C-alpha atoms as a PDB file:
ATOM      1  CA  MET A   1     166.574 147.583   1.084  1.00  0.00           C
ATOM      2  CA  SER A   2     169.647 146.937   2.839  1.00  0.00           C
ATOM      3  CA  TYR A   3     170.170 143.800   4.082  1.00  0.00           C
ATOM      4  CA  SER A   4     172.774 142.454   6.652  1.00  0.00           C
ATOM      5  CA  HIS A   5     172.611 138.572   6.822  1.00  0.00           C
ATOM      6  CA  VAL A   6     171.600 136.491   4.077  1.00  0.00           C
ATOM      7  CA  LEU A   7     170.224 132.825   4.318  1.00  0.00           C
ATOM      8  CA  VAL A   8     170.502 130.468   1.369  1.00  0.00           C
ATOM      9  CA  CYS A   9     168.640 127.314   0.897  1.00  0.00           C
ATOM     10  CA  VAL A  10     170.755 125.150  -0.909  1.00  0.00           C
ATOM     11  CA  ALA A  11     170.326 121.292  -2.403  1.00  0.00           C
ATOM     12  CA  VAL A  12     172.948 118.959  -3.190  1.00  0.00           C
ATOM     13  CA  THR A  13     173.132 119.975  -6.566  1.00  0.00           C
ATOM     14  CA  PRO A  14     175.074 122.182  -8.943  1.00  0.00           C
ATOM     15  CA  GLU A  15     172.249 124.582  -9.573  1.00  0.00           C
ATOM     16  CA  SER A  16     173.327 125.857  -5.502  1.00  0.00           C
ATOM     17  CA  HIS A  17     176.291 127.227  -6.909  1.00  0.00           C
ATOM     18  CA  GLN A  18     173.729 129.769  -8.624  1.00  0.00           C
ATOM     19  CA  LEU A  19     172.080 131.094  -5.636  1.00  0.00           C
ATOM     20  CA  VAL A  20     175.302 131.116  -3.414  1.00  0.00           C
ATOM     21  CA  ALA A  21     176.428 133.292  -6.390  1.00  0.00           C
ATOM     22  CA  ARG A  22     173.449 135.350  -6.044  1.00  0.00           C
ATOM     23  CA  ALA A  23     173.551 135.690  -2.587  1.00  0.00           C
ATOM     24  CA  VAL A  24     177.057 136.772  -2.894  1.00  0.00           C
ATOM     25  CA  SER A  25     176.159 139.515  -5.514  1.00  0.00           C
ATOM     26  CA  ILE A  26     173.283 141.133  -2.980  1.00  0.00           C
ATOM     27  CA  ALA A  27     175.860 140.544   0.035  1.00  0.00           C
ATOM     28  CA  ARG A  28     179.483 141.922  -1.177  1.00  0.00           C
ATOM     29  CA  PRO A  29     178.320 145.875  -1.995  1.00  0.00           C
ATOM     30  CA  LEU A  30     176.447 145.742   1.463  1.00  0.00           C
ATOM     31  CA  ASN A  31     179.651 143.757   3.204  1.00  0.00           C
ATOM     32  CA  ALA A  32     176.234 141.212   4.797  1.00  0.00           C
ATOM     33  CA  ARG A  33     176.768 138.244   6.063  1.00  0.00           C
ATOM     34  CA  VAL A  34     175.923 135.207   3.824  1.00  0.00           C
ATOM     35  CA  SER A  35     174.761 131.639   5.674  1.00  0.00           C
ATOM     36  CA  LEU A  36     173.778 128.437   3.886  1.00  0.00           C
ATOM     37  CA  ILE A  37     171.213 125.692   4.850  1.00  0.00           C
ATOM     38  CA  THR A  38     169.950 122.842   3.250  1.00  0.00           C
ATOM     39  CA  LEU A  39     168.401 119.562   4.327  1.00  0.00           C
ATOM     40  CA  ALA A  40     170.032 116.429   4.999  1.00  0.00           C
ATOM     41  CA  THR A  41     168.655 113.539   3.210  1.00  0.00           C
ATOM     42  CA  GLU A  42     167.154 110.736   5.258  1.00  0.00           C
ATOM     43  CA  PRO A  43     167.952 107.308   4.105  1.00  0.00           C
ATOM     44  CA  GLU A  44     164.830 106.143   5.390  1.00  0.00           C
ATOM     45  CA  MET A  45     163.223 107.717   2.022  1.00  0.00           C
ATOM     46  CA  TYR A  46     165.354 104.969   0.317  1.00  0.00           C
ATOM     47  CA  ASN A  47     164.657 101.912   1.525  1.00  0.00           C
ATOM     48  CA  GLN A  48     162.597 100.826   4.712  1.00  0.00           C
ATOM     49  CA  LEU A  49     163.725  97.158   4.329  1.00  0.00           C
ATOM     50  CA  ALA A  50     167.275  98.297   5.481  1.00  0.00           C
ATOM     51  CA  ALA A  51     167.374  99.220   8.752  1.00  0.00           C
ATOM     52  CA  PRO A  52     170.462  97.565  10.034  1.00  0.00           C
ATOM     53  CA  MET A  53     172.547  99.578   7.496  1.00  0.00           C
ATOM     54  CA  LEU A  54     170.563 102.850   7.453  1.00  0.00           C
ATOM     55  CA  GLU A  55     172.916 104.285  10.445  1.00  0.00           C
ATOM     56  CA  ASP A  56     175.935 103.828   8.516  1.00  0.00           C
ATOM     57  CA  ILE A  57     173.934 105.389   4.870  1.00  0.00           C
ATOM     58  CA  ARG A  58     172.835 108.484   7.304  1.00  0.00           C
ATOM     59  CA  GLY A  59     176.766 109.016   8.183  1.00  0.00           C
ATOM     60  CA  LEU A  60     177.556 108.789   4.790  1.00  0.00           C
ATOM     61  CA  LEU A  61     174.654 111.168   3.353  1.00  0.00           C
ATOM     62  CA  GLN A  62     175.674 113.253   6.308  1.00  0.00           C
ATOM     63  CA  GLU A  63     179.097 113.397   5.066  1.00  0.00           C
ATOM     64  CA  GLU A  64     178.526 113.954   1.527  1.00  0.00           C
ATOM     65  CA  THR A  65     176.434 116.893   2.612  1.00  0.00           C
ATOM     66  CA  GLN A  66     179.062 118.344   5.113  1.00  0.00           C
ATOM     67  CA  VAL A  67     181.688 117.933   1.889  1.00  0.00           C
ATOM     68  CA  PHE A  68     179.223 119.634  -0.624  1.00  0.00           C
ATOM     69  CA  LEU A  69     178.402 122.585   1.811  1.00  0.00           C
ATOM     70  CA  GLN A  70     182.434 123.109   2.100  1.00  0.00           C
ATOM     71  CA  GLU A  71     182.622 123.279  -1.895  1.00  0.00           C
ATOM     72  CA  LEU A  72     180.224 125.970  -1.801  1.00  0.00           C
ATOM     73  CA  GLU A  73     182.160 127.882   0.827  1.00  0.00           C
ATOM     74  CA  GLU A  74     185.267 127.549  -1.010  1.00  0.00           C
ATOM     75  CA  LYS A  75     183.762 128.631  -4.222  1.00  0.00           C
ATOM     76  CA  ALA A  76     182.003 131.406  -2.838  1.00  0.00           C
ATOM     77  CA  GLN A  77     184.800 133.771  -2.728  1.00  0.00           C
ATOM     78  CA  TYR A  78     183.048 135.468   0.069  1.00  0.00           C
ATOM     79  CA  PRO A  79     183.222 134.291   3.887  1.00  0.00           C
ATOM     80  CA  ILE A  80     180.359 132.196   4.622  1.00  0.00           C
ATOM     81  CA  ALA A  81     179.152 133.342   8.323  1.00  0.00           C
ATOM     82  CA  ARG A  82     177.173 129.900   9.265  1.00  0.00           C
ATOM     83  CA  THR A  83     176.122 126.344   7.510  1.00  0.00           C
ATOM     84  CA  PHE A  84     173.294 124.191   9.027  1.00  0.00           C
ATOM     85  CA  ILE A  85     171.963 121.123   7.854  1.00  0.00           C
ATOM     86  CA  ALA A  86     168.352 120.401   8.791  1.00  0.00           C
ATOM     87  CA  THR A  87     165.996 117.506   9.153  1.00  0.00           C
ATOM     88  CA  GLY A  88     162.449 117.654   9.074  1.00  0.00           C
ATOM     89  CA  GLU A  89     160.673 120.429   7.762  1.00  0.00           C
ATOM     90  CA  LEU A  90     162.611 123.321   6.058  1.00  0.00           C
ATOM     91  CA  SER A  91     160.073 126.042   6.877  1.00  0.00           C
ATOM     92  CA  ALA A  92     160.082 125.820  10.635  1.00  0.00           C
ATOM     93  CA  HIS A  93     164.438 125.778  10.254  1.00  0.00           C
ATOM     94  CA  ILE A  94     164.123 128.814   8.646  1.00  0.00           C
ATOM     95  CA  LEU A  95     161.699 130.878  10.729  1.00  0.00           C
ATOM     96  CA  ASP A  96     164.072 129.750  13.707  1.00  0.00           C
ATOM     97  CA  ILE A  97     167.497 130.509  11.645  1.00  0.00           C
ATOM     98  CA  CYS A  98     165.831 133.902  10.952  1.00  0.00           C
ATOM     99  CA  ARG A  99     164.858 134.997  14.322  1.00  0.00           C
ATOM    100  CA  LYS A 100     168.114 133.637  16.615  1.00  0.00           C
ATOM    101  CA  GLU A 101     170.852 134.937  13.806  1.00  0.00           C
ATOM    102  CA  HIS A 102     168.892 138.163  12.666  1.00  0.00           C
ATOM    103  CA  VAL A 103     168.449 136.757   9.303  1.00  0.00           C
ATOM    104  CA  ASP A 104     166.527 139.303   6.664  1.00  0.00           C
ATOM    105  CA  LEU A 105     166.866 138.121   3.650  1.00  0.00           C
ATOM    106  CA  VAL A 106     166.242 134.522   2.431  1.00  0.00           C
ATOM    107  CA  ILE A 107     167.348 133.041  -0.999  1.00  0.00           C
ATOM    108  CA  CYS A 108     165.571 130.108  -2.430  1.00  0.00           C
ATOM    109  CA  GLY A 109     165.785 128.278  -5.786  1.00  0.00           C
ATOM    110  CA  ASN A 110     162.865 127.443  -8.021  1.00  0.00           C
ATOM    111  CA  HIS A 111     162.785 124.962 -10.716  1.00  0.00           C
ATOM    112  CA  ASN A 112     158.858 125.454 -11.271  1.00  0.00           C
ATOM    113  CA  HIS A 113     158.165 128.135 -14.334  1.00  0.00           C
ATOM    114  CA  SER A 114     154.623 128.116 -14.423  1.00  0.00           C
ATOM    115  CA  PHE A 115     152.676 130.059 -12.059  1.00  0.00           C
ATOM    116  CA  PHE A 116     150.245 126.707 -11.077  1.00  0.00           C
ATOM    117  CA  SER A 117     153.585 124.797 -10.491  1.00  0.00           C
ATOM    118  CA  LEU A 118     155.096 127.977  -8.065  1.00  0.00           C
ATOM    119  CA  ALA A 119     151.865 127.262  -6.376  1.00  0.00           C
ATOM    120  CA  ALA A 120     152.688 123.646  -5.538  1.00  0.00           C
ATOM    121  CA  CYS A 121     156.750 124.142  -4.961  1.00  0.00           C
ATOM    122  CA  SER A 122     158.596 123.813  -1.877  1.00  0.00           C
ATOM    123  CA  ALA A 123     159.282 127.393  -2.118  1.00  0.00           C
ATOM    124  CA  LYS A 124     155.652 128.322  -1.190  1.00  0.00           C
ATOM    125  CA  ALA A 125     155.925 126.987   2.109  1.00  0.00           C
ATOM    126  CA  ILE A 126     159.297 129.219   2.807  1.00  0.00           C
ATOM    127  CA  VAL A 127     157.000 132.195   1.325  1.00  0.00           C
ATOM    128  CA  GLY A 128     154.226 131.588   3.054  1.00  0.00           C
ATOM    129  CA  SER A 129     155.799 131.714   6.633  1.00  0.00           C
ATOM    130  CA  SER A 130     158.621 133.691   6.470  1.00  0.00           C
ATOM    131  CA  LEU A 131     158.711 136.938   8.382  1.00  0.00           C
ATOM    132  CA  VAL A 132     161.622 138.654   5.811  1.00  0.00           C
ATOM    133  CA  ASP A 133     162.215 139.292   2.297  1.00  0.00           C
ATOM    134  CA  VAL A 134     162.416 135.661   0.323  1.00  0.00           C
ATOM    135  CA  LEU A 135     163.936 136.008  -3.304  1.00  0.00           C
ATOM    136  CA  LEU A 136     162.790 133.182  -5.625  1.00  0.00           C
ATOM    137  CA  VAL A 137     165.657 132.679  -8.125  1.00  0.00           C
ATOM    138  CA  PRO A 138     164.671 130.855 -11.257  1.00  0.00           C
ATOM    139  CA  LEU A 139     166.682 127.876 -12.168  1.00  0.00           C
ATOM    140  CA  GLY A 140     166.746 125.933 -15.103  1.00  0.00           C
ATOM    141  CA  ASN A 141     164.824 122.448 -16.179  1.00  0.00           C
END
């Protein structure tokens, strides 16, 4: 199958470099576009008692995410068309981006190696709701 736009779901982890490399290996021969999406970390997850500091923490986390996406772009050795930082339900954002940006392949990482744990992983929501091909790439434990 020939793809024209690949969307890669990344996180601020070293394994994301593996996912981008996989996307580039698929996109390069087809001269396809590659875009990245990640979820912004919400500071409320860390400490509900630190309300006055949440805006500062939110800004720092956003900056950290932006820097990581820039690092992924630089190391990709292939042009990255767009980057998206989402909040909330990732699968809803992916559906929307696929529709608006004409994405025809979504690449996700999967840390779960047994069928039972695969059924419970977050990638399941993406696979279940996606209207385009989804590639699950096994990542290290």
